[in-house]
Each structure stands twice: as structure tokens, then as C-alpha cells.
Amino acid sequence: MTASYDTTHPAAADDQWANEQRRRWMVSQLGIANLVSRYDAPGARPTTRWRPPESAAKATSVSTEGRVRPSTALPYGQKVVAGEPVSALNATPDAKPGLASAAQSPMQSPVQSAPAFSLLLARAGNWLWVEYLPDRLIRSEQLHLLAAMARALSGAPATFEHRQFDWPINDNPNLPRDHTAARQSIAGLLGRWRQGASIAGTVLLGESAEGYVEITEESTVLRLPSTSKMLSDTRLKRDAWAVMRPHAVKP
């Protein structure tokens, strides 16, 4: 079944539609419902409404007809992959690529998926902290060190809140998983911590953390060694304090 749209509205370009799909997904990750107005409210500024491009309508029709339904019988031991067409599941291992594989190629996204990674995100005192986790694990020693540095910056016992950010967020292949979507997800989480709080700036722990955070010219950014390196080489703590000291609040 294909959704119907008002043909009097102009068709959006492919890049506009891709950006809109990414925006809707990001908004849904923040728990906000995506709403579209049908008409302009009295006294409101006129709004231009767009309908999906023809390529998006065709892709939706093909993907809807080609999805595996619960009643589809599969050979014993064959797994169902979300979003995989029925023709691909019913193909035998010795079958040569034919029309089915050729029909799937236009559906593949040109955007390359970002590799899986994990970050330590924290709000300690009036600073946001970001550290890349090479082994995707958070250790208690790292949290103790981070809390101590937050106390040194704030000049008093600081509130501490942290979480581990794992990318991709889920295994749905239809959701964007590229580097831009990852950075937008991280920005959304940090933005929620900034709401209702007086944040002095962002502390990047380790060189690898900077590639995942959007930095603006107005924001204060402190670049320190990672907590894992400071724990293995205590001399790096002096280097970190030299960077933090000008921004530390005197008790």
C-alpha cells in the first residue's frame, strides 16, 4: 500500500528529503513527536509544504512489498535479517546474482556507516566531559579521577552524572548510522545536559574525543590527556592541571 500525498505541493529534492528523514529520526531519539501541519494557522507566516520526491515514493513501495512477513516460510536454519528482501532470503547459496541483486542496488544508501564506538559522557560540576573508550568499557578508577578533576575545577564538591554512549544506538539498518548522525546524537545528549544548567565549557579527554563533538568558536574547550593515560602515567596529571588551573574556581 502506497501513501498518498497532495500533488499540489511541490516535490522535495532528494537531498532535502534525506535531510528531513535524518531530522525526523534525530527528533524521535529525543522523545519528541514529529508533527506536520496541514494548513497555516490564522495570522501565521505562510509555510511551503513539500511532498516526497518520486524516488522516495518508489523506494517505499518496493521496500514495503519486499519485506519478510511472519507467514513467509524459510529454509531450516536460515535467519531473518531486518529489512532484507524476500528474494534474497529465498536464494540458494550457489545461485548467481541476477535481477534480484540488480534491483536492490538503487536502494543502498551512498552514506557510509560510521564504525562502532563508545564514549564516556559526563556532567561534573559546571563542565561537560567527553572521553573516547577504545575498549568500550568504563572503569571505576576513571570515574574517580574524573570526579576529582571536576572538584579541582569547581573548587567544591561537584555534582556528577555520567553515561556510556554506544554507537550505533540500535541495529535497525533503515536508520542513519553515518558519522554525521552519530555527532548529532551526541550533540543532542550534551544539549539536554546544558538545559537549565550553567555550563562553563567542555573538557575533551584524549585526542580521539574531539572527532565526535561539535565545537563552536564561542564555547570554552579544555583538551586534556585521557583518564586511562593519566592512570597509567601519573606525570600526565601535572600536564592536565596546567591546562585546568586558569579555569579553576578558587574556593
C-alpha atoms as a PDB file:
ATOM      1  CA  MET A   1       0.000   0.000   0.000  1.00  0.00           C
ATOM      2  CA  THR A   2       1.433   3.357  -1.010  1.00  0.00           C
ATOM      3  CA  ALA A   3       0.815   6.554   0.965  1.00  0.00           C
ATOM      4  CA  SER A   4      -0.949   9.360  -0.902  1.00  0.00           C
ATOM      5  CA  TYR A   5       0.256  12.955  -0.861  1.00  0.00           C
ATOM      6  CA  ASP A   6      -1.211  16.239  -2.027  1.00  0.00           C
ATOM      7  CA  THR A   7       0.099  16.611  -5.569  1.00  0.00           C
ATOM      8  CA  THR A   8      -0.452  20.372  -5.450  1.00  0.00           C
ATOM      9  CA  HIS A   9       2.566  20.644  -3.148  1.00  0.00           C
ATOM     10  CA  PRO A  10       5.984  20.845  -4.853  1.00  0.00           C
ATOM     11  CA  ALA A  11       8.177  17.741  -4.721  1.00  0.00           C
ATOM     12  CA  ALA A  12      11.243  17.969  -2.500  1.00  0.00           C
ATOM     13  CA  ALA A  13      14.699  17.308  -3.892  1.00  0.00           C
ATOM     14  CA  ASP A  14      16.422  14.052  -2.956  1.00  0.00           C
ATOM     15  CA  ASP A  15      18.914  15.808  -0.653  1.00  0.00           C
ATOM     16  CA  GLN A  16      16.095  17.737   1.047  1.00  0.00           C
ATOM     17  CA  TRP A  17      14.210  14.506   1.665  1.00  0.00           C
ATOM     18  CA  ALA A  18      17.324  12.780   3.046  1.00  0.00           C
ATOM     19  CA  ASN A  19      17.952  15.671   5.457  1.00  0.00           C
ATOM     20  CA  GLU A  20      14.310  15.623   6.548  1.00  0.00           C
ATOM     21  CA  GLN A  21      14.450  11.881   7.227  1.00  0.00           C
ATOM     22  CA  ARG A  22      17.600  12.365   9.330  1.00  0.00           C
ATOM     23  CA  ARG A  23      15.991  15.274  11.213  1.00  0.00           C
ATOM     24  CA  ARG A  24      12.876  13.241  11.986  1.00  0.00           C
ATOM     25  CA  TRP A  25      14.958  10.345  13.265  1.00  0.00           C
ATOM     26  CA  MET A  26      17.047  12.628  15.490  1.00  0.00           C
ATOM     27  CA  VAL A  27      13.923  14.281  16.908  1.00  0.00           C
ATOM     28  CA  SER A  28      12.366  10.880  17.639  1.00  0.00           C
ATOM     29  CA  GLN A  29      15.538   9.849  19.510  1.00  0.00           C
ATOM     30  CA  LEU A  30      14.965  12.822  21.816  1.00  0.00           C
ATOM     31  CA  GLY A  31      11.414  11.641  22.519  1.00  0.00           C
ATOM     32  CA  ILE A  32       9.746  14.430  20.519  1.00  0.00           C
ATOM     33  CA  ALA A  33       6.818  13.626  18.242  1.00  0.00           C
ATOM     34  CA  ASN A  34       7.185  14.617  14.586  1.00  0.00           C
ATOM     35  CA  LEU A  35       4.173  16.712  13.568  1.00  0.00           C
ATOM     36  CA  VAL A  36       3.348  18.236  10.185  1.00  0.00           C
ATOM     37  CA  SER A  37       0.753  20.997   9.803  1.00  0.00           C
ATOM     38  CA  ARG A  38      -1.965  20.619   7.162  1.00  0.00           C
ATOM     39  CA  TYR A  39      -2.678  24.337   6.879  1.00  0.00           C
ATOM     40  CA  ASP A  40      -1.412  27.681   8.165  1.00  0.00           C
ATOM     41  CA  ALA A  41      -2.850  28.922  11.438  1.00  0.00           C
ATOM     42  CA  PRO A  42      -4.671  32.272  11.337  1.00  0.00           C
ATOM     43  CA  GLY A  43      -2.138  35.098  11.379  1.00  0.00           C
ATOM     44  CA  ALA A  44       0.808  32.725  10.954  1.00  0.00           C
ATOM     45  CA  ARG A  45       3.510  33.191   8.372  1.00  0.00           C
ATOM     46  CA  PRO A  46       2.784  31.238   5.156  1.00  0.00           C
ATOM     47  CA  THR A  47       4.583  27.897   5.043  1.00  0.00           C
ATOM     48  CA  THR A  48       5.755  25.964   1.997  1.00  0.00           C
ATOM     49  CA  ARG A  49       4.837  22.294   2.297  1.00  0.00           C
ATOM     50  CA  TRP A  50       6.689  19.641   0.323  1.00  0.00           C
ATOM     51  CA  ARG A  51       5.810  16.154  -0.743  1.00  0.00           C
ATOM     52  CA  PRO A  52       8.368  13.315  -1.024  1.00  0.00           C
ATOM     53  CA  PRO A  53      10.242  13.024  -4.319  1.00  0.00           C
ATOM     54  CA  GLU A  54       9.292  10.331  -6.807  1.00  0.00           C
ATOM     55  CA  SER A  55      12.405   8.330  -5.906  1.00  0.00           C
ATOM     56  CA  ALA A  56      11.304   8.148  -2.258  1.00  0.00           C
ATOM     57  CA  ALA A  57       7.796   7.026  -3.220  1.00  0.00           C
ATOM     58  CA  LYS A  58       9.193   4.242  -5.429  1.00  0.00           C
ATOM     59  CA  ALA A  59      11.628   3.153  -2.724  1.00  0.00           C
ATOM     60  CA  THR A  60       8.829   2.985  -0.147  1.00  0.00           C
ATOM     61  CA  SER A  61       6.678   0.878  -2.498  1.00  0.00           C
ATOM     62  CA  VAL A  62       9.490  -1.565  -3.265  1.00  0.00           C
ATOM     63  CA  SER A  63      10.603  -1.874   0.353  1.00  0.00           C
ATOM     64  CA  THR A  64       7.031  -2.464   1.562  1.00  0.00           C
ATOM     65  CA  GLU A  65       6.408  -5.236  -0.969  1.00  0.00           C
ATOM     66  CA  GLY A  66       9.783  -6.885  -0.465  1.00  0.00           C
ATOM     67  CA  ARG A  67       9.832  -7.187   3.329  1.00  0.00           C
ATOM     68  CA  VAL A  68       9.553 -10.591   5.021  1.00  0.00           C
ATOM     69  CA  ARG A  69       6.174 -11.167   6.610  1.00  0.00           C
ATOM     70  CA  PRO A  70       5.562 -13.516   9.565  1.00  0.00           C
ATOM     71  CA  SER A  71       3.830 -16.044   7.290  1.00  0.00           C
ATOM     72  CA  THR A  72       6.834 -16.380   4.957  1.00  0.00           C
ATOM     73  CA  ALA A  73       8.318 -19.892   5.114  1.00  0.00           C
ATOM     74  CA  LEU A  74      12.110 -20.037   5.275  1.00  0.00           C
ATOM     75  CA  PRO A  75      14.513 -22.978   4.990  1.00  0.00           C
ATOM     76  CA  TYR A  76      15.598 -24.530   8.273  1.00  0.00           C
ATOM     77  CA  GLY A  77      18.432 -22.644   9.949  1.00  0.00           C
ATOM     78  CA  GLN A  78      18.123 -19.521   7.801  1.00  0.00           C
ATOM     79  CA  LYS A  79      17.997 -16.275   9.781  1.00  0.00           C
ATOM     80  CA  VAL A  80      15.801 -13.316   9.001  1.00  0.00           C
ATOM     81  CA  VAL A  81      17.666 -10.027   8.726  1.00  0.00           C
ATOM     82  CA  ALA A  82      15.588  -6.913   9.331  1.00  0.00           C
ATOM     83  CA  GLY A  83      14.885  -5.102   6.094  1.00  0.00           C
ATOM     84  CA  GLU A  84      16.172  -7.884   3.821  1.00  0.00           C
ATOM     85  CA  PRO A  85      14.021  -8.587   0.725  1.00  0.00           C
ATOM     86  CA  VAL A  86      12.252 -11.929   0.437  1.00  0.00           C
ATOM     87  CA  SER A  87      14.064 -12.693  -2.815  1.00  0.00           C
ATOM     88  CA  ALA A  88      17.418 -12.535  -1.058  1.00  0.00           C
ATOM     89  CA  LEU A  89      16.265 -14.891   1.720  1.00  0.00           C
ATOM     90  CA  ASN A  90      14.894 -17.475  -0.693  1.00  0.00           C
ATOM     91  CA  ALA A  91      18.038 -17.520  -2.841  1.00  0.00           C
ATOM     92  CA  THR A  92      20.262 -20.587  -2.606  1.00  0.00           C
ATOM     93  CA  PRO A  93      23.976 -20.233  -1.711  1.00  0.00           C
ATOM     94  CA  ASP A  94      25.007 -21.380  -5.215  1.00  0.00           C
ATOM     95  CA  ALA A  95      22.679 -19.008  -7.056  1.00  0.00           C
ATOM     96  CA  LYS A  96      24.351 -16.383  -9.222  1.00  0.00           C
ATOM     97  CA  PRO A  97      23.453 -12.702  -8.864  1.00  0.00           C
ATOM     98  CA  GLY A  98      20.596 -11.839 -11.186  1.00  0.00           C
ATOM     99  CA  LEU A  99      17.731  -9.436 -11.427  1.00  0.00           C
ATOM    100  CA  ALA A 100      17.063  -9.541  -7.679  1.00  0.00           C
ATOM    101  CA  SER A 101      20.519  -8.218  -6.756  1.00  0.00           C
ATOM    102  CA  ALA A 102      20.344  -5.619  -9.503  1.00  0.00           C
ATOM    103  CA  ALA A 103      17.022  -4.357  -8.186  1.00  0.00           C
ATOM    104  CA  GLN A 104      18.477  -3.943  -4.687  1.00  0.00           C
ATOM    105  CA  SER A 105      21.418  -1.750  -5.708  1.00  0.00           C
ATOM    106  CA  PRO A 106      19.407   1.512  -6.062  1.00  0.00           C
ATOM    107  CA  MET A 107      18.144   1.011  -2.503  1.00  0.00           C
ATOM    108  CA  GLN A 108      21.620   1.043  -0.964  1.00  0.00           C
ATOM    109  CA  SER A 109      22.486   4.278   0.799  1.00  0.00           C
ATOM    110  CA  PRO A 110      25.519   6.169  -0.533  1.00  0.00           C
ATOM    111  CA  VAL A 111      26.312   7.358   3.013  1.00  0.00           C
ATOM    112  CA  GLN A 112      28.975   5.225   4.655  1.00  0.00           C
ATOM    113  CA  SER A 113      28.186   3.925   8.140  1.00  0.00           C
ATOM    114  CA  ALA A 114      30.394   5.088  10.971  1.00  0.00           C
ATOM    115  CA  PRO A 115      32.348   2.335  12.752  1.00  0.00           C
ATOM    116  CA  ALA A 116      31.063   1.224  16.141  1.00  0.00           C
ATOM    117  CA  PHE A 117      32.475   3.210  19.056  1.00  0.00           C
ATOM    118  CA  SER A 118      31.784   4.163  22.672  1.00  0.00           C
ATOM    119  CA  LEU A 119      32.208   7.399  24.603  1.00  0.00           C
ATOM    120  CA  LEU A 120      32.157   8.364  28.254  1.00  0.00           C
ATOM    121  CA  LEU A 121      29.880  11.394  28.586  1.00  0.00           C
ATOM    122  CA  ALA A 122      29.660  13.183  31.918  1.00  0.00           C
ATOM    123  CA  ARG A 123      28.391  16.343  33.542  1.00  0.00           C
ATOM    124  CA  ALA A 124      30.612  17.051  36.506  1.00  0.00           C
ATOM    125  CA  GLY A 125      30.394  20.405  38.217  1.00  0.00           C
ATOM    126  CA  ASN A 126      29.707  23.052  35.599  1.00  0.00           C
ATOM    127  CA  TRP A 127      31.642  21.262  32.845  1.00  0.00           C
ATOM    128  CA  LEU A 128      30.793  18.600  30.273  1.00  0.00           C
ATOM    129  CA  TRP A 129      33.337  15.805  29.850  1.00  0.00           C
ATOM    130  CA  VAL A 130      33.855  13.568  26.818  1.00  0.00           C
ATOM    131  CA  GLU A 131      36.288  10.660  26.501  1.00  0.00           C
ATOM    132  CA  TYR A 132      36.680   8.038  23.782  1.00  0.00           C
ATOM    133  CA  LEU A 133      36.653   4.458  25.116  1.00  0.00           C
ATOM    134  CA  PRO A 134      38.919   2.264  22.969  1.00  0.00           C
ATOM    135  CA  ASP A 135      37.821  -0.946  24.720  1.00  0.00           C
ATOM    136  CA  ARG A 136      34.205   0.264  25.171  1.00  0.00           C
ATOM    137  CA  LEU A 137      34.450  -0.092  28.965  1.00  0.00           C
ATOM    138  CA  ILE A 138      34.209   2.414  31.834  1.00  0.00           C
ATOM    139  CA  ARG A 139      36.294   1.632  34.918  1.00  0.00           C
ATOM    140  CA  SER A 140      35.678   2.945  38.420  1.00  0.00           C
ATOM    141  CA  GLU A 141      39.202   4.396  38.554  1.00  0.00           C
ATOM    142  CA  GLN A 142      38.374   6.584  35.561  1.00  0.00           C
ATOM    143  CA  LEU A 143      35.225   7.899  37.239  1.00  0.00           C
ATOM    144  CA  HIS A 144      37.090   8.642  40.489  1.00  0.00           C
ATOM    145  CA  LEU A 145      39.757  10.584  38.605  1.00  0.00           C
ATOM    146  CA  LEU A 146      37.159  12.486  36.596  1.00  0.00           C
ATOM    147  CA  ALA A 147      35.264  13.427  39.771  1.00  0.00           C
ATOM    148  CA  ALA A 148      38.495  14.640  41.385  1.00  0.00           C
ATOM    149  CA  MET A 149      39.297  16.839  38.380  1.00  0.00           C
ATOM    150  CA  ALA A 150      35.756  18.234  38.486  1.00  0.00           C
ATOM    151  CA  ARG A 151      36.240  19.182  42.148  1.00  0.00           C
ATOM    152  CA  ALA A 152      39.521  20.882  41.255  1.00  0.00           C
ATOM    153  CA  LEU A 153      37.798  22.942  38.551  1.00  0.00           C
ATOM    154  CA  SER A 154      34.716  23.802  40.604  1.00  0.00           C
ATOM    155  CA  GLY A 155      36.543  24.487  43.859  1.00  0.00           C
ATOM    156  CA  ALA A 156      33.981  22.453  45.810  1.00  0.00           C
ATOM    157  CA  PRO A 157      32.344  19.012  45.756  1.00  0.00           C
ATOM    158  CA  ALA A 158      30.670  18.840  42.364  1.00  0.00           C
ATOM    159  CA  THR A 159      27.555  17.070  41.169  1.00  0.00           C
ATOM    160  CA  PHE A 160      28.466  14.118  38.976  1.00  0.00           C
ATOM    161  CA  GLU A 161      26.391  12.413  36.299  1.00  0.00           C
ATOM    162  CA  HIS A 162      27.716  10.120  33.602  1.00  0.00           C
ATOM    163  CA  ARG A 163      26.627   7.665  30.945  1.00  0.00           C
ATOM    164  CA  GLN A 164      28.195   5.479  28.274  1.00  0.00           C
ATOM    165  CA  PHE A 165      27.250   6.351  24.704  1.00  0.00           C
ATOM    166  CA  ASP A 166      27.415   3.367  22.328  1.00  0.00           C
ATOM    167  CA  TRP A 167      27.147   3.742  18.566  1.00  0.00           C
ATOM    168  CA  PRO A 168      25.173   2.565  16.725  1.00  0.00           C
ATOM    169  CA  ILE A 169      22.273   3.093  19.108  1.00  0.00           C
ATOM    170  CA  ASN A 170      20.368   0.117  17.658  1.00  0.00           C
ATOM    171  CA  ASP A 171      20.688  -2.466  14.900  1.00  0.00           C
ATOM    172  CA  ASN A 172      17.929  -1.123  12.645  1.00  0.00           C
ATOM    173  CA  PRO A 173      19.549  -0.911   9.174  1.00  0.00           C
ATOM    174  CA  ASN A 174      16.948   1.612   7.990  1.00  0.00           C
ATOM    175  CA  LEU A 175      18.106   4.307  10.429  1.00  0.00           C
ATOM    176  CA  PRO A 176      21.085   6.556   9.614  1.00  0.00           C
ATOM    177  CA  ARG A 177      24.344   5.242  11.050  1.00  0.00           C
ATOM    178  CA  ASP A 178      26.843   7.603   9.440  1.00  0.00           C
ATOM    179  CA  HIS A 179      29.305   9.843  11.280  1.00  0.00           C
ATOM    180  CA  THR A 180      27.057  12.900  10.929  1.00  0.00           C
ATOM    181  CA  ALA A 181      24.143  11.128  12.613  1.00  0.00           C
ATOM    182  CA  ALA A 182      26.463   9.992  15.421  1.00  0.00           C
ATOM    183  CA  ARG A 183      27.697  13.544  16.058  1.00  0.00           C
ATOM    184  CA  GLN A 184      24.111  14.824  16.044  1.00  0.00           C
ATOM    185  CA  SER A 185      23.078  12.200  18.612  1.00  0.00           C
ATOM    186  CA  ILE A 186      25.973  13.172  20.883  1.00  0.00           C
ATOM    187  CA  ALA A 187      25.146  16.865  20.465  1.00  0.00           C
ATOM    188  CA  GLY A 188      21.542  16.128  21.447  1.00  0.00           C
ATOM    189  CA  LEU A 189      22.587  14.377  24.668  1.00  0.00           C
ATOM    190  CA  LEU A 190      25.041  17.102  25.649  1.00  0.00           C
ATOM    191  CA  GLY A 191      22.460  19.734  24.761  1.00  0.00           C
ATOM    192  CA  ARG A 192      19.981  18.239  27.219  1.00  0.00           C
ATOM    193  CA  TRP A 193      22.607  18.476  29.972  1.00  0.00           C
ATOM    194  CA  ARG A 194      23.144  22.138  29.095  1.00  0.00           C
ATOM    195  CA  GLN A 195      19.457  22.942  29.529  1.00  0.00           C
ATOM    196  CA  GLY A 196      18.758  24.577  32.883  1.00  0.00           C
ATOM    197  CA  ALA A 197      22.426  24.433  33.908  1.00  0.00           C
ATOM    198  CA  SER A 198      25.276  26.925  33.884  1.00  0.00           C
ATOM    199  CA  ILE A 199      27.878  25.084  31.813  1.00  0.00           C
ATOM    200  CA  ALA A 200      31.316  26.708  31.639  1.00  0.00           C
ATOM    201  CA  GLY A 201      32.605  24.583  28.770  1.00  0.00           C
ATOM    202  CA  THR A 202      33.591  21.128  27.529  1.00  0.00           C
ATOM    203  CA  VAL A 203      36.571  19.010  28.570  1.00  0.00           C
ATOM    204  CA  LEU A 204      37.880  16.624  25.902  1.00  0.00           C
ATOM    205  CA  LEU A 205      39.825  13.738  27.406  1.00  0.00           C
ATOM    206  CA  GLY A 206      42.208  12.375  24.798  1.00  0.00           C
ATOM    207  CA  GLU A 207      42.781  13.379  21.187  1.00  0.00           C
ATOM    208  CA  SER A 208      40.237  10.869  19.855  1.00  0.00           C
ATOM    209  CA  ALA A 209      37.320  12.548  21.645  1.00  0.00           C
ATOM    210  CA  GLU A 210      37.427  15.713  19.538  1.00  0.00           C
ATOM    211  CA  GLY A 211      36.255  13.985  16.363  1.00  0.00           C
ATOM    212  CA  TYR A 212      32.872  13.181  17.910  1.00  0.00           C
ATOM    213  CA  VAL A 213      31.957  16.573  19.393  1.00  0.00           C
ATOM    214  CA  GLU A 214      30.798  19.691  17.581  1.00  0.00           C
ATOM    215  CA  ILE A 215      32.960  22.591  18.740  1.00  0.00           C
ATOM    216  CA  THR A 216      31.906  26.205  18.255  1.00  0.00           C
ATOM    217  CA  GLU A 217      34.074  29.295  18.493  1.00  0.00           C
ATOM    218  CA  GLU A 218      32.013  30.619  21.404  1.00  0.00           C
ATOM    219  CA  SER A 219      32.451  27.542  23.605  1.00  0.00           C
ATOM    220  CA  THR A 220      35.346  27.023  26.008  1.00  0.00           C
ATOM    221  CA  VAL A 221      37.161  23.756  25.350  1.00  0.00           C
ATOM    222  CA  LEU A 222      39.861  22.183  27.521  1.00  0.00           C
ATOM    223  CA  ARG A 223      41.940  19.420  25.955  1.00  0.00           C
ATOM    224  CA  LEU A 224      43.442  17.001  28.467  1.00  0.00           C
ATOM    225  CA  PRO A 225      45.053  13.562  28.282  1.00  0.00           C
ATOM    226  CA  SER A 226      42.622  10.669  28.577  1.00  0.00           C
ATOM    227  CA  THR A 227      41.935   9.305  32.049  1.00  0.00           C
ATOM    228  CA  SER A 228      43.316   5.913  31.026  1.00  0.00           C
ATOM    229  CA  LYS A 229      46.657   7.504  30.089  1.00  0.00           C
ATOM    230  CA  MET A 230      46.749   9.600  33.258  1.00  0.00           C
ATOM    231  CA  LEU A 231      46.150   6.477  35.334  1.00  0.00           C
ATOM    232  CA  SER A 232      48.991   4.637  33.602  1.00  0.00           C
ATOM    233  CA  ASP A 233      51.360   7.632  33.675  1.00  0.00           C
ATOM    234  CA  THR A 234      50.766   9.899  36.675  1.00  0.00           C
ATOM    235  CA  ARG A 235      53.081  12.569  35.246  1.00  0.00           C
ATOM    236  CA  LEU A 236      50.326  13.452  32.777  1.00  0.00           C
ATOM    237  CA  LYS A 237      48.193  14.685  35.686  1.00  0.00           C
ATOM    238  CA  ARG A 238      50.531  17.663  36.033  1.00  0.00           C
ATOM    239  CA  ASP A 239      50.006  18.465  32.358  1.00  0.00           C
ATOM    240  CA  ALA A 240      46.246  18.251  32.854  1.00  0.00           C
ATOM    241  CA  TRP A 241      46.345  20.553  35.877  1.00  0.00           C
ATOM    242  CA  ALA A 242      48.381  23.107  33.931  1.00  0.00           C
ATOM    243  CA  VAL A 243      45.502  23.320  31.437  1.00  0.00           C
ATOM    244  CA  MET A 244      42.752  23.362  34.083  1.00  0.00           C
ATOM    245  CA  ARG A 245      44.358  25.782  36.523  1.00  0.00           C
ATOM    246  CA  PRO A 246      43.475  29.048  34.690  1.00  0.00           C
ATOM    247  CA  HIS A 247      39.811  27.959  34.652  1.00  0.00           C
ATOM    248  CA  ALA A 248      39.623  26.618  38.212  1.00  0.00           C
ATOM    249  CA  VAL A 249      37.313  28.385  40.667  1.00  0.00           C
ATOM    250  CA  LYS A 250      39.131  29.452  43.813  1.00  0.00           C
ATOM    251  CA  PRO A 251      37.474  28.164  46.996  1.00  0.00           C
END
